[in-house]
Structure formats: structure tokens, C-alpha cells
All heavy atoms as atom14 arrays in JSON, in Angstrom:
{
  "sequence": "DRKPHMEALCHILNGFSEVRIFKAYNVDEAYYMLSSHHIHLFLVDII",
  "atom14_mask": [
    [1, 1, 1, 1, 1, 1, 1, 1, 0, 0, 0, 0, 0, 0],
    [1, 1, 1, 1, 1, 1, 1, 1, 1, 1, 1, 0, 0, 0],
    [1, 1, 1, 1, 1, 1, 1, 1, 1, 0, 0, 0, 0, 0],
    [1, 1, 1, 1, 1, 1, 1, 0, 0, 0, 0, 0, 0, 0],
    [1, 1, 1, 1, 1, 1, 1, 1, 1, 1, 0, 0, 0, 0],
    [1, 1, 1, 1, 1, 1, 1, 1, 0, 0, 0, 0, 0, 0],
    [1, 1, 1, 1, 1, 1, 1, 1, 1, 0, 0, 0, 0, 0],
    [1, 1, 1, 1, 1, 0, 0, 0, 0, 0, 0, 0, 0, 0],
    [1, 1, 1, 1, 1, 1, 1, 1, 0, 0, 0, 0, 0, 0],
    [1, 1, 1, 1, 1, 1, 0, 0, 0, 0, 0, 0, 0, 0],
    [1, 1, 1, 1, 1, 1, 1, 1, 1, 1, 0, 0, 0, 0],
    [1, 1, 1, 1, 1, 1, 1, 1, 0, 0, 0, 0, 0, 0],
    [1, 1, 1, 1, 1, 1, 1, 1, 0, 0, 0, 0, 0, 0],
    [1, 1, 1, 1, 1, 1, 1, 1, 0, 0, 0, 0, 0, 0],
    [1, 1, 1, 1, 0, 0, 0, 0, 0, 0, 0, 0, 0, 0],
    [1, 1, 1, 1, 1, 1, 1, 1, 1, 1, 1, 0, 0, 0],
    [1, 1, 1, 1, 1, 1, 0, 0, 0, 0, 0, 0, 0, 0],
    [1, 1, 1, 1, 1, 1, 1, 1, 1, 0, 0, 0, 0, 0],
    [1, 1, 1, 1, 1, 1, 1, 0, 0, 0, 0, 0, 0, 0],
    [1, 1, 1, 1, 1, 1, 1, 1, 1, 1, 1, 0, 0, 0],
    [1, 1, 1, 1, 1, 1, 1, 1, 0, 0, 0, 0, 0, 0],
    [1, 1, 1, 1, 1, 1, 1, 1, 1, 1, 1, 0, 0, 0],
    [1, 1, 1, 1, 1, 1, 1, 1, 1, 0, 0, 0, 0, 0],
    [1, 1, 1, 1, 1, 0, 0, 0, 0, 0, 0, 0, 0, 0],
    [1, 1, 1, 1, 1, 1, 1, 1, 1, 1, 1, 1, 0, 0],
    [1, 1, 1, 1, 1, 1, 1, 1, 0, 0, 0, 0, 0, 0],
    [1, 1, 1, 1, 1, 1, 1, 0, 0, 0, 0, 0, 0, 0],
    [1, 1, 1, 1, 1, 1, 1, 1, 0, 0, 0, 0, 0, 0],
    [1, 1, 1, 1, 1, 1, 1, 1, 1, 0, 0, 0, 0, 0],
    [1, 1, 1, 1, 1, 0, 0, 0, 0, 0, 0, 0, 0, 0],
    [1, 1, 1, 1, 1, 1, 1, 1, 1, 1, 1, 1, 0, 0],
    [1, 1, 1, 1, 1, 1, 1, 1, 1, 1, 1, 1, 0, 0],
    [1, 1, 1, 1, 1, 1, 1, 1, 0, 0, 0, 0, 0, 0],
    [1, 1, 1, 1, 1, 1, 1, 1, 0, 0, 0, 0, 0, 0],
    [1, 1, 1, 1, 1, 1, 0, 0, 0, 0, 0, 0, 0, 0],
    [1, 1, 1, 1, 1, 1, 0, 0, 0, 0, 0, 0, 0, 0],
    [1, 1, 1, 1, 1, 1, 1, 1, 1, 1, 0, 0, 0, 0],
    [1, 1, 1, 1, 1, 1, 1, 1, 1, 1, 0, 0, 0, 0],
    [1, 1, 1, 1, 1, 1, 1, 1, 0, 0, 0, 0, 0, 0],
    [1, 1, 1, 1, 1, 1, 1, 1, 1, 1, 0, 0, 0, 0],
    [1, 1, 1, 1, 1, 1, 1, 1, 0, 0, 0, 0, 0, 0],
    [1, 1, 1, 1, 1, 1, 1, 1, 1, 1, 1, 0, 0, 0],
    [1, 1, 1, 1, 1, 1, 1, 1, 0, 0, 0, 0, 0, 0],
    [1, 1, 1, 1, 1, 1, 1, 0, 0, 0, 0, 0, 0, 0],
    [1, 1, 1, 1, 1, 1, 1, 1, 0, 0, 0, 0, 0, 0],
    [1, 1, 1, 1, 1, 1, 1, 1, 0, 0, 0, 0, 0, 0],
    [1, 1, 1, 1, 1, 1, 1, 1, 0, 0, 0, 0, 0, 0]
  ],
  "atom14_positions": [
    [[0.81, -1.25, 0.0], [0.0, -0.01, -0.01], [0.84, 1.28, -0.04], [0.33, 2.34, -0.34], [-0.97, 0.03, 1.2], [-0.27, 0.12, 2.52], [0.8, -0.57, 2.67], [-0.71, 0.81, 3.42], [0.0, 0.0, 0.0], [0.0, 0.0, 0.0], [0.0, 0.0, 0.0], [0.0, 0.0, 0.0], [0.0, 0.0, 0.0], [0.0, 0.0, 0.0]],
    [[2.07, 1.16, 0.31], [2.93, 2.39, 0.46], [3.79, 2.51, -0.81], [4.59, 1.69, -1.18], [3.82, 2.36, 1.67], [3.0, 2.31, 2.97], [3.81, 2.55, 4.17], [4.38, 3.87, 4.19], [5.22, 4.35, 5.15], [5.52, 3.55, 6.13], [5.61, 5.56, 5.1], [0.0, 0.0, 0.0], [0.0, 0.0, 0.0], [0.0, 0.0, 0.0]],
    [[3.61, 3.69, -1.49], [4.28, 3.96, -2.79], [5.82, 3.85, -2.7], [6.44, 3.22, -3.57], [3.85, 5.28, -3.35], [4.27, 5.48, -4.81], [3.74, 6.75, -5.42], [4.19, 6.92, -6.8], [3.59, 8.18, -7.42], [0.0, 0.0, 0.0], [0.0, 0.0, 0.0], [0.0, 0.0, 0.0], [0.0, 0.0, 0.0], [0.0, 0.0, 0.0]],
    [[6.41, 4.42, -1.7], [7.91, 4.33, -1.63], [8.42, 2.93, -1.55], [9.42, 2.55, -2.18], [8.26, 5.14, -0.38], [7.11, 6.1, -0.15], [5.91, 5.33, -0.61], [0.0, 0.0, 0.0], [0.0, 0.0, 0.0], [0.0, 0.0, 0.0], [0.0, 0.0, 0.0], [0.0, 0.0, 0.0], [0.0, 0.0, 0.0], [0.0, 0.0, 0.0]],
    [[7.71, 2.07, -0.79], [8.07, 0.66, -0.69], [7.88, -0.1, -1.97], [8.68, -0.9, -2.4], [7.32, -0.03, 0.45], [7.68, 0.49, 1.82], [6.9, 0.39, 2.89], [8.83, 1.16, 2.23], [7.45, 0.9, 3.92], [8.68, 1.35, 3.59], [0.0, 0.0, 0.0], [0.0, 0.0, 0.0], [0.0, 0.0, 0.0], [0.0, 0.0, 0.0]],
    [[6.76, 0.21, -2.66], [6.47, -0.35, -3.96], [7.56, 0.02, -4.95], [8.07, -0.89, -5.7], [5.09, 0.13, -4.42], [4.68, -0.38, -5.84], [4.35, -2.15, -5.85], [2.62, -2.07, -5.26], [0.0, 0.0, 0.0], [0.0, 0.0, 0.0], [0.0, 0.0, 0.0], [0.0, 0.0, 0.0], [0.0, 0.0, 0.0], [0.0, 0.0, 0.0]],
    [[7.9, 1.27, -5.01], [8.95, 1.75, -5.97], [10.3, 1.06, -5.71], [11.03, 0.72, -6.61], [9.02, 3.25, -5.96], [7.83, 3.91, -6.49], [7.9, 5.47, -6.41], [8.81, 5.98, -5.7], [7.03, 6.16, -7.08], [0.0, 0.0, 0.0], [0.0, 0.0, 0.0], [0.0, 0.0, 0.0], [0.0, 0.0, 0.0], [0.0, 0.0, 0.0]],
    [[10.6, 0.92, -4.4], [11.88, 0.32, -4.0], [11.88, -1.17, -4.46], [12.99, -1.64, -5.02], [12.13, 0.43, -2.48], [0.0, 0.0, 0.0], [0.0, 0.0, 0.0], [0.0, 0.0, 0.0], [0.0, 0.0, 0.0], [0.0, 0.0, 0.0], [0.0, 0.0, 0.0], [0.0, 0.0, 0.0], [0.0, 0.0, 0.0], [0.0, 0.0, 0.0]],
    [[10.84, -1.89, -4.26], [10.81, -3.29, -4.66], [10.88, -3.42, -6.19], [11.55, -4.3, -6.73], [9.58, -3.95, -4.14], [9.55, -4.18, -2.57], [8.17, -4.66, -2.13], [10.59, -5.25, -2.24], [0.0, 0.0, 0.0], [0.0, 0.0, 0.0], [0.0, 0.0, 0.0], [0.0, 0.0, 0.0], [0.0, 0.0, 0.0], [0.0, 0.0, 0.0]],
    [[10.11, -2.54, -6.89], [10.11, -2.59, -8.37], [11.54, -2.32, -8.92], [12.02, -2.97, -9.89], [9.1, -1.57, -8.95], [7.4, -2.03, -8.71], [0.0, 0.0, 0.0], [0.0, 0.0, 0.0], [0.0, 0.0, 0.0], [0.0, 0.0, 0.0], [0.0, 0.0, 0.0], [0.0, 0.0, 0.0], [0.0, 0.0, 0.0], [0.0, 0.0, 0.0]],
    [[12.21, -1.39, -8.31], [13.59, -1.09, -8.71], [14.49, -2.3, -8.57], [15.33, -2.62, -9.46], [14.14, 0.12, -7.87], [15.56, 0.38, -8.13], [16.02, 1.03, -9.29], [16.72, 0.13, -7.41], [17.32, 1.21, -9.27], [17.74, 0.6, -8.17], [0.0, 0.0, 0.0], [0.0, 0.0, 0.0], [0.0, 0.0, 0.0], [0.0, 0.0, 0.0]],
    [[14.35, -3.03, -7.47], [15.16, -4.25, -7.23], [14.81, -5.32, -8.22], [15.7, -5.94, -8.78], [14.96, -4.73, -5.76], [15.52, -3.69, -4.77], [15.7, -6.06, -5.58], [15.14, -4.04, -3.36], [0.0, 0.0, 0.0], [0.0, 0.0, 0.0], [0.0, 0.0, 0.0], [0.0, 0.0, 0.0], [0.0, 0.0, 0.0], [0.0, 0.0, 0.0]],
    [[13.54, -5.54, -8.44], [13.07, -6.64, -9.27], [13.31, -6.36, -10.79], [13.42, -7.31, -11.61], [11.61, -6.96, -9.09], [11.25, -7.39, -7.64], [9.77, -7.68, -7.55], [12.08, -8.62, -7.23], [0.0, 0.0, 0.0], [0.0, 0.0, 0.0], [0.0, 0.0, 0.0], [0.0, 0.0, 0.0], [0.0, 0.0, 0.0], [0.0, 0.0, 0.0]],
    [[13.47, -5.1, -11.13], [13.71, -4.79, -12.57], [15.04, -5.35, -13.03], [15.29, -5.44, -14.2], [13.69, -3.27, -12.73], [12.27, -2.69, -12.9], [11.36, -3.49, -13.3], [12.09, -1.47, -12.5], [0.0, 0.0, 0.0], [0.0, 0.0, 0.0], [0.0, 0.0, 0.0], [0.0, 0.0, 0.0], [0.0, 0.0, 0.0], [0.0, 0.0, 0.0]],
    [[15.91, -5.8, -12.12], [17.16, -6.37, -12.47], [17.05, -7.78, -12.94], [18.04, -8.32, -13.43], [0.0, 0.0, 0.0], [0.0, 0.0, 0.0], [0.0, 0.0, 0.0], [0.0, 0.0, 0.0], [0.0, 0.0, 0.0], [0.0, 0.0, 0.0], [0.0, 0.0, 0.0], [0.0, 0.0, 0.0], [0.0, 0.0, 0.0], [0.0, 0.0, 0.0]],
    [[15.87, -8.43, -12.78], [15.73, -9.8, -13.21], [15.22, -9.88, -14.62], [14.44, -9.08, -15.06], [14.66, -10.48, -12.34], [15.16, -10.85, -10.93], [14.99, -9.91, -9.91], [15.75, -12.06, -10.68], [15.43, -10.23, -8.6], [16.2, -12.4, -9.39], [16.04, -11.44, -8.39], [0.0, 0.0, 0.0], [0.0, 0.0, 0.0], [0.0, 0.0, 0.0]],
    [[15.79, -10.81, -15.39], [15.35, -10.99, -16.77], [14.12, -11.85, -16.79], [13.9, -12.69, -15.9], [16.49, -11.58, -17.64], [16.84, -12.83, -17.12], [0.0, 0.0, 0.0], [0.0, 0.0, 0.0], [0.0, 0.0, 0.0], [0.0, 0.0, 0.0], [0.0, 0.0, 0.0], [0.0, 0.0, 0.0], [0.0, 0.0, 0.0], [0.0, 0.0, 0.0]],
    [[13.26, -11.76, -17.85], [12.08, -12.55, -18.02], [11.21, -12.48, -16.81], [10.62, -13.49, -16.4], [12.47, -14.01, -18.41], [13.17, -14.13, -19.74], [13.33, -15.54, -20.24], [13.03, -16.46, -19.4], [13.66, -15.79, -21.36], [0.0, 0.0, 0.0], [0.0, 0.0, 0.0], [0.0, 0.0, 0.0], [0.0, 0.0, 0.0], [0.0, 0.0, 0.0]],
    [[11.01, -11.31, -16.32], [10.07, -11.11, -15.21], [9.13, -9.93, -15.56], [9.59, -8.92, -16.07], [10.86, -10.77, -13.89], [9.94, -10.08, -12.88], [11.41, -12.0, -13.3], [0.0, 0.0, 0.0], [0.0, 0.0, 0.0], [0.0, 0.0, 0.0], [0.0, 0.0, 0.0], [0.0, 0.0, 0.0], [0.0, 0.0, 0.0], [0.0, 0.0, 0.0]],
    [[7.88, -10.09, -15.33], [6.89, -9.09, -15.54], [6.27, -8.71, -14.16], [5.8, -9.57, -13.46], [5.8, -9.55, -16.5], [4.91, -8.49, -16.99], [4.17, -8.93, -18.31], [3.43, -10.14, -18.13], [3.6, -11.26, -18.88], [4.49, -11.31, -19.81], [2.89, -12.37, -18.67], [0.0, 0.0, 0.0], [0.0, 0.0, 0.0], [0.0, 0.0, 0.0]],
    [[6.29, -7.44, -13.83], [5.87, -7.01, -12.48], [4.51, -6.34, -12.55], [4.22, -5.5, -13.4], [6.88, -5.98, -11.9], [8.28, -6.6, -11.89], [6.45, -5.5, -10.57], [9.38, -5.58, -11.52], [0.0, 0.0, 0.0], [0.0, 0.0, 0.0], [0.0, 0.0, 0.0], [0.0, 0.0, 0.0], [0.0, 0.0, 0.0], [0.0, 0.0, 0.0]],
    [[3.62, -6.81, -11.72], [2.28, -6.24, -11.59], [2.17, -5.6, -10.19], [2.73, -6.21, -9.19], [1.2, -7.29, -11.79], [1.19, -7.82, -13.18], [1.89, -9.02, -13.46], [0.55, -7.22, -14.22], [1.88, -9.55, -14.74], [0.57, -7.72, -15.5], [1.27, -8.92, -15.77], [0.0, 0.0, 0.0], [0.0, 0.0, 0.0], [0.0, 0.0, 0.0]],
    [[1.47, -4.47, -10.05], [1.42, -3.73, -8.81], [0.0, -3.66, -8.35], [-0.93, -3.33, -9.13], [2.05, -2.38, -8.96], [3.52, -2.38, -9.35], [4.1, -0.98, -9.41], [3.61, -0.24, -10.63], [4.26, 1.13, -10.82], [0.0, 0.0, 0.0], [0.0, 0.0, 0.0], [0.0, 0.0, 0.0], [0.0, 0.0, 0.0], [0.0, 0.0, 0.0]],
    [[-0.23, -3.81, -7.03], [-1.51, -3.62, -6.4], [-1.33, -2.9, -5.12], [-0.54, -3.37, -4.26], [-2.27, -4.93, -6.18], [0.0, 0.0, 0.0], [0.0, 0.0, 0.0], [0.0, 0.0, 0.0], [0.0, 0.0, 0.0], [0.0, 0.0, 0.0], [0.0, 0.0, 0.0], [0.0, 0.0, 0.0], [0.0, 0.0, 0.0], [0.0, 0.0, 0.0]],
    [[-2.05, -1.8, -4.92], [-1.88, -0.97, -3.75], [-2.93, -1.33, -2.68], [-2.9, -0.8, -1.54], [-1.94, 0.51, -4.07], [-0.74, 0.95, -4.77], [-0.67, 1.04, -6.16], [0.42, 1.4, -4.07], [0.42, 1.48, -6.9], [1.54, 1.89, -4.75], [1.58, 1.9, -6.13], [2.71, 2.36, -6.81], [0.0, 0.0, 0.0], [0.0, 0.0, 0.0]],
    [[-3.91, -2.14, -3.04], [-4.94, -2.52, -2.13], [-5.5, -3.87, -2.49], [-5.2, -4.48, -3.56], [-6.06, -1.44, -1.99], [-6.6, -1.11, -3.4], [-7.1, -2.01, -4.12], [-6.61, 0.19, -3.76], [0.0, 0.0, 0.0], [0.0, 0.0, 0.0], [0.0, 0.0, 0.0], [0.0, 0.0, 0.0], [0.0, 0.0, 0.0], [0.0, 0.0, 0.0]],
    [[-6.46, -4.35, -1.7], [-7.07, -5.67, -1.91], [-7.85, -5.76, -3.27], [-7.68, -6.72, -3.97], [-7.98, -6.04, -0.73], [-8.71, -7.33, -1.01], [-7.16, -6.19, 0.54], [0.0, 0.0, 0.0], [0.0, 0.0, 0.0], [0.0, 0.0, 0.0], [0.0, 0.0, 0.0], [0.0, 0.0, 0.0], [0.0, 0.0, 0.0], [0.0, 0.0, 0.0]],
    [[-8.62, -4.72, -3.54], [-9.37, -4.76, -4.8], [-8.53, -4.84, -6.02], [-8.79, -5.59, -6.95], [-10.25, -3.45, -4.87], [-11.39, -3.5, -3.84], [-11.78, -4.58, -3.37], [-11.96, -2.45, -3.49], [0.0, 0.0, 0.0], [0.0, 0.0, 0.0], [0.0, 0.0, 0.0], [0.0, 0.0, 0.0], [0.0, 0.0, 0.0], [0.0, 0.0, 0.0]],
    [[-7.44, -4.03, -6.01], [-6.49, -4.05, -7.17], [-5.86, -5.46, -7.25], [-5.63, -5.96, -8.38], [-5.47, -2.99, -7.0], [-5.99, -1.57, -7.2], [-4.9, -0.52, -7.08], [-3.76, -0.91, -6.88], [-5.22, 0.67, -7.24], [0.0, 0.0, 0.0], [0.0, 0.0, 0.0], [0.0, 0.0, 0.0], [0.0, 0.0, 0.0], [0.0, 0.0, 0.0]],
    [[-5.56, -6.03, -6.11], [-4.92, -7.4, -6.11], [-5.85, -8.39, -6.75], [-5.43, -9.24, -7.59], [-4.56, -7.77, -4.67], [0.0, 0.0, 0.0], [0.0, 0.0, 0.0], [0.0, 0.0, 0.0], [0.0, 0.0, 0.0], [0.0, 0.0, 0.0], [0.0, 0.0, 0.0], [0.0, 0.0, 0.0], [0.0, 0.0, 0.0], [0.0, 0.0, 0.0]],
    [[-7.13, -8.38, -6.38], [-8.09, -9.34, -6.97], [-8.23, -9.15, -8.45], [-8.46, -10.07, -9.25], [-9.44, -9.31, -6.27], [-9.39, -9.88, -4.87], [-9.99, -9.24, -3.8], [-8.86, -11.1, -4.65], [-9.94, -9.83, -2.53], [-8.83, -11.72, -3.38], [-9.36, -11.03, -2.32], [-9.36, -11.59, -1.08], [0.0, 0.0, 0.0], [0.0, 0.0, 0.0]],
    [[-8.2, -7.87, -8.89], [-8.3, -7.56, -10.27], [-7.12, -8.19, -11.05], [-7.29, -8.75, -12.14], [-8.4, -6.1, -10.56], [-8.34, -5.68, -11.98], [-9.53, -5.79, -12.8], [-7.21, -5.23, -12.61], [-9.46, -5.5, -14.15], [-7.15, -4.95, -13.95], [-8.28, -5.02, -14.73], [-8.26, -4.74, -16.05], [0.0, 0.0, 0.0], [0.0, 0.0, 0.0]],
    [[-5.89, -8.02, -10.52], [-4.76, -8.6, -11.19], [-4.82, -10.12, -11.24], [-4.48, -10.73, -12.24], [-3.47, -8.19, -10.45], [-3.15, -6.7, -10.51], [-2.78, -6.19, -12.16], [-2.52, -4.44, -11.94], [0.0, 0.0, 0.0], [0.0, 0.0, 0.0], [0.0, 0.0, 0.0], [0.0, 0.0, 0.0], [0.0, 0.0, 0.0], [0.0, 0.0, 0.0]],
    [[-5.37, -10.7, -10.19], [-5.5, -12.16, -10.15], [-6.51, -12.68, -11.27], [-6.32, -13.78, -11.76], [-5.95, -12.63, -8.77], [-4.85, -12.66, -7.69], [-5.51, -12.84, -6.35], [-3.86, -13.77, -7.97], [0.0, 0.0, 0.0], [0.0, 0.0, 0.0], [0.0, 0.0, 0.0], [0.0, 0.0, 0.0], [0.0, 0.0, 0.0], [0.0, 0.0, 0.0]],
    [[-7.51, -11.87, -11.48], [-8.53, -12.24, -12.5], [-7.99, -12.05, -13.93], [-8.56, -12.59, -14.89], [-9.8, -11.49, -12.28], [-9.66, -10.11, -12.59], [0.0, 0.0, 0.0], [0.0, 0.0, 0.0], [0.0, 0.0, 0.0], [0.0, 0.0, 0.0], [0.0, 0.0, 0.0], [0.0, 0.0, 0.0], [0.0, 0.0, 0.0], [0.0, 0.0, 0.0]],
    [[-6.96, -11.29, -14.1], [-6.43, -10.95, -15.44], [-5.13, -11.67, -15.8], [-4.88, -11.76, -16.99], [-6.18, -9.4, -15.48], [-7.32, -8.67, -15.11], [0.0, 0.0, 0.0], [0.0, 0.0, 0.0], [0.0, 0.0, 0.0], [0.0, 0.0, 0.0], [0.0, 0.0, 0.0], [0.0, 0.0, 0.0], [0.0, 0.0, 0.0], [0.0, 0.0, 0.0]],
    [[-4.39, -12.14, -14.8], [-3.06, -12.71, -15.11], [-2.84, -13.91, -14.2], [-3.36, -14.03, -13.11], [-1.96, -11.69, -14.91], [-2.19, -10.4, -15.62], [-1.86, -10.23, -16.95], [-2.68, -9.19, -15.21], [-2.12, -9.0, -17.33], [-2.63, -8.42, -16.33], [0.0, 0.0, 0.0], [0.0, 0.0, 0.0], [0.0, 0.0, 0.0], [0.0, 0.0, 0.0]],
    [[-1.98, -14.84, -14.71], [-1.54, -15.94, -13.89], [-0.26, -15.53, -13.19], [0.73, -15.2, -13.81], [-1.3, -17.2, -14.73], [-0.93, -18.37, -13.87], [-1.84, -19.05, -13.07], [0.27, -18.97, -13.7], [-1.23, -20.03, -12.46], [0.03, -20.03, -12.77], [0.0, 0.0, 0.0], [0.0, 0.0, 0.0], [0.0, 0.0, 0.0], [0.0, 0.0, 0.0]],
    [[-0.24, -15.53, -11.84], [0.89, -15.01, -11.11], [1.77, -16.21, -10.61], [1.24, -17.22, -10.19], [0.36, -14.27, -9.86], [-0.57, -13.09, -10.27], [1.54, -13.7, -9.09], [0.08, -12.07, -11.24], [0.0, 0.0, 0.0], [0.0, 0.0, 0.0], [0.0, 0.0, 0.0], [0.0, 0.0, 0.0], [0.0, 0.0, 0.0], [0.0, 0.0, 0.0]],
    [[3.08, -16.0, -10.69], [4.01, -17.06, -10.34], [4.72, -16.8, -9.0], [5.34, -17.7, -8.43], [5.06, -17.23, -11.47], [4.43, -17.47, -12.8], [4.44, -16.56, -13.81], [3.78, -18.56, -13.29], [3.83, -17.01, -14.87], [3.41, -18.25, -14.58], [0.0, 0.0, 0.0], [0.0, 0.0, 0.0], [0.0, 0.0, 0.0], [0.0, 0.0, 0.0]],
    [[4.64, -15.53, -8.51], [5.25, -15.19, -7.21], [4.55, -13.99, -6.68], [4.25, -13.04, -7.37], [6.73, -14.86, -7.43], [7.44, -14.3, -6.21], [7.43, -15.24, -5.0], [8.89, -13.9, -6.56], [0.0, 0.0, 0.0], [0.0, 0.0, 0.0], [0.0, 0.0, 0.0], [0.0, 0.0, 0.0], [0.0, 0.0, 0.0], [0.0, 0.0, 0.0]],
    [[4.15, -14.11, -5.4], [3.49, -13.01, -4.69], [4.43, -12.38, -3.66], [5.09, -13.08, -2.87], [2.25, -13.52, -3.97], [1.17, -14.05, -4.82], [1.11, -15.44, -5.13], [0.18, -13.17, -5.32], [0.05, -15.92, -5.94], [-0.82, -13.67, -6.17], [-0.89, -15.06, -6.39], [0.0, 0.0, 0.0], [0.0, 0.0, 0.0], [0.0, 0.0, 0.0]],
    [[4.52, -11.06, -3.65], [5.18, -10.3, -2.56], [4.05, -9.49, -1.93], [3.49, -8.59, -2.54], [6.23, -9.36, -3.14], [7.66, -9.92, -3.34], [7.64, -11.09, -4.26], [8.6, -8.84, -3.77], [0.0, 0.0, 0.0], [0.0, 0.0, 0.0], [0.0, 0.0, 0.0], [0.0, 0.0, 0.0], [0.0, 0.0, 0.0], [0.0, 0.0, 0.0]],
    [[3.74, -9.8, -0.66], [2.55, -9.25, 0.0], [2.9, -8.61, 1.32], [3.5, -9.2, 2.22], [1.49, -10.39, 0.25], [0.23, -9.79, 0.81], [1.23, -11.14, -1.02], [0.0, 0.0, 0.0], [0.0, 0.0, 0.0], [0.0, 0.0, 0.0], [0.0, 0.0, 0.0], [0.0, 0.0, 0.0], [0.0, 0.0, 0.0], [0.0, 0.0, 0.0]],
    [[2.5, -7.35, 1.46], [2.68, -6.65, 2.72], [1.58, -7.11, 3.67], [0.42, -7.19, 3.28], [2.53, -5.1, 2.52], [2.95, -4.35, 3.72], [3.24, -4.97, 4.75], [2.86, -3.08, 3.69], [0.0, 0.0, 0.0], [0.0, 0.0, 0.0], [0.0, 0.0, 0.0], [0.0, 0.0, 0.0], [0.0, 0.0, 0.0], [0.0, 0.0, 0.0]],
    [[1.96, -7.55, 4.86], [0.93, -8.02, 5.85], [-0.02, -6.94, 6.22], [-1.19, -7.13, 6.31], [1.66, -8.57, 7.09], [2.37, -9.93, 6.77], [0.68, -8.74, 8.25], [3.09, -10.58, 7.9], [0.0, 0.0, 0.0], [0.0, 0.0, 0.0], [0.0, 0.0, 0.0], [0.0, 0.0, 0.0], [0.0, 0.0, 0.0], [0.0, 0.0, 0.0]],
    [[0.47, -5.67, 6.38], [-0.4, -4.54, 6.74], [-0.64, -3.72, 5.48], [0.19, -3.05, 4.98], [0.3, -3.68, 7.84], [0.59, -4.52, 9.06], [-0.57, -2.51, 8.21], [1.42, -3.71, 10.1], [0.0, 0.0, 0.0], [0.0, 0.0, 0.0], [0.0, 0.0, 0.0], [0.0, 0.0, 0.0], [0.0, 0.0, 0.0], [0.0, 0.0, 0.0]]
  ]
}
């Protein structure tokens, strides 16, 4: 949910090849992404 943390993680993950990053800032956005794409790894903030 926090933009600075999201940007920091995206910056780190952009170094991986053959990886596509999807972002969700809340539960509703997360469910929308799940309905549109098959996800192979989840990074989830507990809070």
C-alpha cells in the first residue's frame, strides 16, 4: 500500500530478466490482477 516501498521493490526486481511486475496498492486491485493474469510469485505486505 505504500508507494515508496512499492517503488523500491520494483527497482530491485527490474534487475531480473524474463520477469513481468504487476502492482496492487490494495485488496481490490490485487483481486483484479489475479483475475487478469496468472501469477508465479506473490510479494505481499501483511499490513
